[in-house]
Amino acid sequence: MAETQGGIAYKNADADYFAKRGLRAYAGVWSLWALGVGAVISGHYSGWNLGLATGGWGGMFVATIIIAVMYLGLTFSIAEMSPALPHTGAAYSFARTAMGPWGGFVTGLCENVEYVLTPAVIVFFIGSYLGAIFGTPAAFQPVWWIGGYILFVGLNVVGVELSFRVTLVVTLMALAVLAVFWIFAIPLVDFSVNALDIAPGGGKLEGGNGPFLPFGLSGALATLPFAVRWIDSRDGVFAPVLPAQVAAEHSDPVQSAVAELAPGSRVLIMSFSHAEDLDIVVACLQRLRTRDDLPYVGLIGSRTKWATFRHRLEARGFTEAELARVTCPIGVPGIGGKEPEVIAVAVAAQLLQSLGR
């Protein structure tokens, strides 16, 4: 007996159909542990460390705390959802149950994209490491990539159980290497010299003792999923070296650039002048009135400053609802301190919260 739902034809399957497709418990506790720990170790070597160049040690530290909190929330969410899993299929299962077969299809397609890209990233970094170890030229990299695909696809073809065993062994070896490294490195650690060795705005700082955030808040944001556009009315204040995700632009008056911002931009107003701050807020509110495409407008300052601004903005005809779109003071509530690194953590976390808007 067949039925149609959302343009999809279904037919009832007998017990033999499900018997041939039943799931087996290949992974034990240690296999799952190795998957998680191995992924974290590979991230340390093959991606997270790149944030040091864009944000410095402080910027990377800020970004790591924020991402750790987000992953903790994701873990709790998945744990809470797992007992209610309608059927096998992870995210596809929830999407299909909630949004029908086409919702499940799109979700499954997106998951497949992840599965295609992740192995590509892994074999790329494997090729980079092997090239450095054996001294092969860049043109030889595709050979390492193909070899990586053949090896790991072969392991899964032979059997998932074998793949889990290899993952466990490799993870234990990686932990052993890290343990040896730390044993010999800890006595030689000099945090100020080795971690704070980037000069303000970039460049190697001999002797260390540099700033916690050498690239400021923009550096911390550059290590997160943001592209930063630094707009200033003062020409010549920009750092000589900026992270790849940061673009500097001179605009005088600075508020004229608001009309050219990409839809969905998050605006942080941190100028040198209260008068300029007010002009930028006005430009943002006018854009929100006409296009309503700026999910976040934040103004640095105290509650006293905002009270003064509110009075002036109300005199210009802006309503209570419009003024409520401006966040001032900026930063996640409850985080105290006026140190630059504290403000950077609070503001970066608030910007990440705005991504859901």
Protein backbone atom coordinates (compact mmCIF):
# COMPACT_ATOMS: atom_id res chain seq x y z
CA MET A 1 0.00 0.00 0.00
CA ALA A 2 1.45 3.35 -1.06
CA GLU A 3 0.65 6.91 0.00
CA THR A 4 1.78 10.34 -1.18
CA GLN A 5 2.95 13.17 1.07
CA GLY A 6 4.37 16.47 -0.14
CA GLY A 7 4.85 15.08 -3.65
CA ILE A 8 6.75 12.05 -2.31
CA ALA A 9 5.38 8.51 -2.75
CA TYR A 10 5.73 6.13 0.22
CA LYS A 11 5.05 2.42 0.50
CA ASN A 12 4.84 0.20 3.53
CA ALA A 13 7.95 -1.93 4.14
CA ASP A 14 7.94 -5.38 5.68
CA ALA A 15 10.15 -6.64 8.51
CA ASP A 16 12.68 -8.13 6.09
CA TYR A 17 13.38 -4.66 4.67
CA PHE A 18 14.33 -3.30 8.09
CA ALA A 19 16.27 -6.44 9.05
CA LYS A 20 18.66 -5.87 6.13
CA ARG A 21 19.18 -2.24 7.14
CA GLY A 22 19.47 -2.57 10.90
CA LEU A 23 22.14 -0.60 12.72
CA ARG A 24 25.02 -2.24 14.54
CA ALA A 25 26.82 -0.72 17.51
CA TYR A 26 30.34 -0.41 16.10
CA ALA A 27 31.56 2.35 18.38
CA GLY A 28 32.26 1.79 22.05
CA VAL A 29 32.95 4.40 24.69
CA TRP A 30 36.66 4.67 23.89
CA SER A 31 36.02 4.90 20.16
CA LEU A 32 33.66 7.84 20.66
CA TRP A 33 36.16 9.42 23.06
CA ALA A 34 38.90 9.09 20.42
CA LEU A 35 36.69 10.74 17.79
CA GLY A 36 36.10 13.80 19.97
CA VAL A 37 39.61 14.15 21.34
CA GLY A 38 41.19 13.45 17.95
CA ALA A 39 39.07 16.17 16.34
CA VAL A 40 40.18 18.69 18.98
CA ILE A 41 43.86 17.80 18.56
CA SER A 42 43.64 18.08 14.77
CA GLY A 43 41.93 21.46 15.20
CA HIS A 44 44.83 22.67 17.36
CA TYR A 45 47.32 21.74 14.64
CA SER A 46 45.31 22.51 11.54
CA GLY A 47 43.28 25.64 12.05
CA TRP A 48 42.88 27.13 15.50
CA ASN A 49 46.51 28.19 15.63
CA LEU A 50 45.93 30.39 12.56
CA GLY A 51 43.93 32.71 14.82
CA LEU A 52 47.14 33.76 16.57
CA ALA A 53 48.20 35.68 13.47
CA THR A 54 44.90 37.54 13.16
CA GLY A 55 44.14 38.36 16.78
CA GLY A 56 47.32 37.76 18.74
CA TRP A 57 47.33 35.63 21.87
CA GLY A 58 44.68 37.78 23.54
CA GLY A 59 42.35 37.85 20.55
CA MET A 60 42.65 34.09 20.15
CA PHE A 61 41.99 33.64 23.87
CA VAL A 62 38.83 35.77 23.66
CA ALA A 63 37.57 33.89 20.62
CA THR A 64 38.32 30.50 22.20
CA ILE A 65 36.29 31.31 25.32
CA ILE A 66 33.31 32.43 23.25
CA ILE A 67 33.41 29.41 20.92
CA ALA A 68 33.82 27.06 23.91
CA VAL A 69 30.67 28.49 25.49
CA MET A 70 28.79 28.11 22.20
CA TYR A 71 29.93 24.51 21.79
CA LEU A 72 28.88 23.76 25.36
CA GLY A 73 25.43 25.09 24.55
CA LEU A 74 25.37 23.00 21.36
CA THR A 75 26.34 19.88 23.32
CA PHE A 76 23.58 20.44 25.87
CA SER A 77 21.07 21.04 23.07
CA ILE A 78 22.00 17.84 21.25
CA ALA A 79 21.92 15.86 24.51
CA GLU A 80 18.44 17.19 25.26
CA MET A 81 17.17 16.46 21.76
CA SER A 82 18.64 12.96 21.42
CA PRO A 83 16.01 11.18 23.60
CA ALA A 84 13.31 12.64 21.35
CA LEU A 85 14.95 11.49 18.09
CA PRO A 86 12.02 10.33 15.91
CA HIS A 87 14.12 7.81 13.95
CA THR A 88 17.70 7.34 12.80
CA GLY A 89 19.17 10.17 10.75
CA ALA A 90 20.28 12.83 13.26
CA ALA A 91 19.41 16.34 12.01
CA TYR A 92 17.69 14.85 8.95
CA SER A 93 15.36 12.96 11.30
CA PHE A 94 14.21 16.09 13.12
CA ALA A 95 13.87 18.12 9.92
CA ARG A 96 11.85 15.46 8.15
CA THR A 97 9.48 15.03 11.08
CA ALA A 98 9.00 18.79 11.58
CA MET A 99 9.05 20.05 7.98
CA GLY A 100 8.14 17.04 5.87
CA PRO A 101 10.15 15.09 3.30
CA TRP A 102 11.50 18.12 1.45
CA GLY A 103 12.73 19.71 4.70
CA GLY A 104 14.49 16.45 5.51
CA PHE A 105 15.95 16.27 2.00
CA VAL A 106 17.44 19.79 2.17
CA THR A 107 18.86 19.12 5.64
CA GLY A 108 20.39 15.84 4.51
CA LEU A 109 21.86 17.59 1.47
CA CYS A 110 23.50 20.19 3.71
CA GLU A 111 24.95 17.42 5.87
CA ASN A 112 26.37 15.76 2.78
CA VAL A 113 28.12 19.02 1.88
CA GLU A 114 29.76 18.91 5.32
CA TYR A 115 30.88 15.32 4.76
CA VAL A 116 32.38 16.26 1.39
CA LEU A 117 34.25 19.33 2.67
CA THR A 118 35.58 17.85 5.92
CA PRO A 119 37.68 15.09 4.30
CA ALA A 120 39.03 17.67 1.85
CA VAL A 121 40.22 19.85 4.74
CA ILE A 122 41.78 16.85 6.47
CA VAL A 123 43.72 15.59 3.47
CA PHE A 124 44.87 19.15 2.71
CA PHE A 125 46.53 19.46 6.11
CA ILE A 126 47.85 15.90 5.92
CA GLY A 127 49.49 16.84 2.62
CA SER A 128 50.95 19.99 4.17
CA TYR A 129 52.50 18.03 7.04
CA LEU A 130 53.85 15.25 4.85
CA GLY A 131 55.25 17.80 2.41
CA ALA A 132 57.11 19.51 5.26
CA ILE A 133 58.39 16.18 6.64
CA PHE A 134 59.62 14.74 3.34
CA GLY A 135 60.53 18.03 1.67
CA THR A 136 58.33 17.51 -1.39
CA PRO A 137 57.48 20.51 -3.63
CA ALA A 138 54.07 22.18 -3.67
CA ALA A 139 53.29 20.56 -7.02
CA PHE A 140 53.44 17.15 -5.31
CA GLN A 141 50.61 18.03 -2.89
CA PRO A 142 47.83 16.40 -4.99
CA VAL A 143 49.65 13.06 -4.63
CA TRP A 144 49.46 13.32 -0.82
CA TRP A 145 45.79 14.31 -1.07
CA ILE A 146 44.89 11.33 -3.26
CA GLY A 147 46.88 9.02 -1.01
CA GLY A 148 45.00 10.32 2.04
CA TYR A 149 41.65 9.72 0.39
CA ILE A 150 42.64 6.19 -0.68
CA LEU A 151 43.89 5.32 2.83
CA PHE A 152 40.91 6.56 4.82
CA VAL A 153 38.21 5.54 2.37
CA GLY A 154 39.91 2.13 2.24
CA LEU A 155 39.78 1.80 6.02
CA ASN A 156 36.03 2.44 5.98
CA VAL A 157 35.48 0.05 3.08
CA VAL A 158 37.32 -2.72 4.93
CA GLY A 159 35.18 -2.07 7.99
CA VAL A 160 34.02 0.70 10.28
CA GLU A 161 35.35 -1.25 13.26
CA LEU A 162 38.88 -1.10 11.85
CA SER A 163 38.49 2.63 11.22
CA PHE A 164 37.53 3.19 14.87
CA ARG A 165 40.54 1.17 16.05
CA VAL A 166 42.90 3.22 13.89
CA THR A 167 41.32 6.44 15.20
CA LEU A 168 41.88 5.31 18.79
CA VAL A 169 45.53 4.37 18.15
CA VAL A 170 46.29 7.63 16.32
CA THR A 171 44.63 9.69 19.06
CA LEU A 172 46.68 7.96 21.76
CA MET A 173 49.86 8.58 19.74
CA ALA A 174 48.96 12.25 19.32
CA LEU A 175 48.37 12.59 23.06
CA ALA A 176 51.75 10.98 23.74
CA VAL A 177 53.45 13.47 21.41
CA LEU A 178 51.70 16.38 23.16
CA ALA A 179 52.69 15.01 26.58
CA VAL A 180 56.36 14.82 25.57
CA PHE A 181 56.20 18.32 24.11
CA TRP A 182 54.70 19.82 27.26
CA ILE A 183 57.13 18.01 29.57
CA PHE A 184 60.09 19.60 27.79
CA ALA A 185 58.41 22.95 26.98
CA ILE A 186 56.88 23.92 30.33
CA PRO A 187 60.25 24.67 32.03
CA LEU A 188 61.10 27.04 29.17
CA VAL A 189 57.77 28.89 29.03
CA ASP A 190 58.00 32.69 29.25
CA PHE A 191 54.49 33.97 28.64
CA SER A 192 55.36 37.65 28.18
CA VAL A 193 58.15 36.89 25.71
CA ASN A 194 56.62 34.04 23.71
CA ALA A 195 52.88 34.79 23.78
CA LEU A 196 52.81 38.60 23.82
CA ASP A 197 55.32 39.03 21.00
CA ILE A 198 53.16 41.00 18.53
CA ALA A 199 53.55 44.78 18.41
CA PRO A 200 50.45 47.02 18.34
CA GLY A 201 49.03 46.81 14.83
CA GLY A 202 51.19 43.83 13.89
CA GLY A 203 54.81 42.94 13.43
CA LYS A 204 57.23 40.88 15.49
CA LEU A 205 58.06 42.42 18.87
CA GLU A 206 61.54 41.35 19.90
CA GLY A 207 61.66 40.62 23.61
CA GLY A 208 57.88 40.28 23.86
CA ASN A 209 55.91 42.15 26.54
CA GLY A 210 53.47 43.39 23.92
CA PRO A 211 49.78 44.23 24.39
CA PHE A 212 47.17 41.58 25.23
CA LEU A 213 45.15 42.59 22.14
CA PRO A 214 47.70 43.81 19.56
CA PHE A 215 44.97 44.28 16.93
CA GLY A 216 42.34 45.53 19.37
CA LEU A 217 38.74 44.37 19.24
CA SER A 218 38.96 43.97 15.44
CA GLY A 219 41.60 41.29 15.93
CA ALA A 220 39.41 39.35 18.34
CA LEU A 221 36.50 39.55 15.88
CA ALA A 222 38.77 38.50 13.00
CA THR A 223 39.30 35.13 14.70
CA LEU A 224 35.51 34.67 14.78
CA PRO A 225 33.09 34.42 11.80
CA PHE A 226 33.17 38.16 11.09
CA ALA A 227 34.68 40.33 8.39
CA VAL A 228 35.53 43.67 10.02
CA ARG A 229 35.23 46.98 8.17
CA TRP A 230 36.99 49.70 10.18
CA ILE A 231 35.71 53.12 9.08
CA ASP A 232 37.27 56.27 10.52
CA SER A 233 37.10 59.99 9.71
CA ARG A 234 40.77 60.40 10.66
CA ASP A 235 43.14 59.45 7.88
CA GLY A 236 46.38 57.95 9.13
CA VAL A 237 45.11 56.28 12.32
CA PHE A 238 44.96 52.81 10.79
CA ALA A 239 47.50 50.21 11.82
CA PRO A 240 50.14 49.48 9.15
CA VAL A 241 49.40 45.74 9.30
CA LEU A 242 45.85 44.45 9.68
CA PRO A 243 44.43 40.90 9.85
CA ALA A 244 43.20 39.51 6.53
CA GLN A 245 39.54 39.83 7.57
CA VAL A 246 39.87 43.51 8.50
CA ALA A 247 39.49 46.29 5.92
CA ALA A 248 40.29 49.93 6.78
CA GLU A 249 38.44 52.79 5.11
CA HIS A 250 38.67 56.57 5.47
CA SER A 251 35.35 58.44 5.33
CA ASP A 252 34.84 62.09 6.22
CA PRO A 253 32.18 62.56 7.45
CA VAL A 254 32.19 59.03 8.76
CA GLN A 255 28.38 58.77 8.95
CA SER A 256 28.17 58.99 5.15
CA ALA A 257 29.51 55.40 4.99
CA VAL A 258 26.46 54.00 6.80
CA ALA A 259 24.37 54.08 3.63
CA GLU A 260 26.96 51.90 1.86
CA LEU A 261 27.12 49.13 4.49
CA ALA A 262 26.16 45.67 3.32
CA PRO A 263 22.70 44.50 4.42
CA GLY A 264 22.93 42.56 7.66
CA SER A 265 25.98 44.45 8.91
CA ARG A 266 26.52 44.78 12.65
CA VAL A 267 27.52 48.35 13.54
CA LEU A 268 29.81 49.20 16.46
CA ILE A 269 30.11 52.95 17.08
CA MET A 270 33.35 53.80 18.89
CA SER A 271 34.61 57.14 17.60
CA PHE A 272 36.77 59.77 19.31
CA SER A 273 33.95 62.33 19.53
CA HIS A 274 30.47 62.35 21.10
CA ALA A 275 29.28 64.62 18.30
CA GLU A 276 30.49 62.14 15.68
CA ASP A 277 28.96 59.27 17.64
CA LEU A 278 25.59 61.04 17.56
CA ASP A 279 25.81 61.65 13.80
CA ILE A 280 26.55 57.95 13.18
CA VAL A 281 23.63 56.85 15.39
CA VAL A 282 21.32 59.19 13.47
CA ALA A 283 22.51 57.72 10.16
CA CYS A 284 21.92 54.18 11.43
CA LEU A 285 18.44 54.99 12.71
CA GLN A 286 17.53 56.62 9.40
CA ARG A 287 18.69 53.50 7.56
CA LEU A 288 16.71 51.28 9.93
CA ARG A 289 13.64 53.45 9.27
CA THR A 290 13.95 53.07 5.49
CA ARG A 291 15.53 49.62 5.04
CA ASP A 292 15.52 47.90 8.45
CA ASP A 293 18.57 45.76 7.56
CA LEU A 294 21.03 46.45 10.41
CA PRO A 295 20.43 43.71 13.03
CA TYR A 296 22.74 45.30 15.60
CA VAL A 297 23.68 48.92 16.30
CA GLY A 298 25.94 49.27 19.33
CA LEU A 299 27.22 52.49 20.87
CA ILE A 300 30.12 52.49 23.32
CA GLY A 301 29.46 54.57 26.39
CA SER A 302 27.78 54.73 29.75
CA ARG A 303 24.08 54.87 30.62
CA THR A 304 24.54 58.59 31.28
CA LYS A 305 25.85 59.10 27.76
CA TRP A 306 22.91 57.19 26.31
CA ALA A 307 20.41 59.22 28.35
CA THR A 308 21.86 62.41 26.85
CA PHE A 309 21.75 60.91 23.35
CA ARG A 310 18.17 59.74 23.82
CA HIS A 311 17.04 63.25 24.66
CA ARG A 312 18.72 64.67 21.56
CA LEU A 313 17.43 61.88 19.30
CA GLU A 314 13.87 62.27 20.56
CA ALA A 315 14.15 65.97 19.71
CA ARG A 316 15.00 64.91 16.14
CA GLY A 317 11.79 62.89 15.87
CA PHE A 318 12.92 59.33 16.57
CA THR A 319 10.38 57.19 18.43
CA GLU A 320 10.83 55.04 21.52
CA ALA A 321 10.65 51.88 19.40
CA GLU A 322 13.37 53.18 17.06
CA LEU A 323 15.68 54.14 19.93
CA ALA A 324 15.24 50.66 21.41
CA ARG A 325 17.16 49.33 18.38
CA VAL A 326 20.37 50.91 19.71
CA THR A 327 22.40 48.98 22.26
CA CYS A 328 24.18 51.19 24.80
CA PRO A 329 26.19 50.31 26.83
CA ILE A 330 27.57 47.56 24.61
CA GLY A 331 28.56 44.08 25.69
CA VAL A 332 26.82 41.12 27.28
CA PRO A 333 25.19 42.23 30.55
CA GLY A 334 26.77 40.96 33.74
CA ILE A 335 30.40 41.12 32.61
CA GLY A 336 32.13 43.74 34.73
CA GLY A 337 35.41 45.54 34.16
CA LYS A 338 36.58 48.30 31.85
CA GLU A 339 39.81 46.65 30.72
CA PRO A 340 40.11 46.39 26.90
CA GLU A 341 40.22 42.59 26.96
CA VAL A 342 37.10 42.39 29.17
CA ILE A 343 35.20 44.76 26.88
CA ALA A 344 36.37 42.76 23.85
CA VAL A 345 35.01 39.49 25.29
CA ALA A 346 31.66 41.07 26.22
CA VAL A 347 31.20 42.80 22.85
CA ALA A 348 32.30 39.81 20.76
CA ALA A 349 29.86 37.58 22.64
CA GLN A 350 27.04 40.06 22.07
CA LEU A 351 27.82 40.23 18.35
CA LEU A 352 27.68 36.43 18.16
CA GLN A 353 24.29 36.53 19.86
CA SER A 354 23.10 38.91 17.16
CA LEU A 355 23.85 36.36 14.43
CA GLY A 356 20.51 34.70 15.13
CA ARG A 357 18.56 37.86 14.38
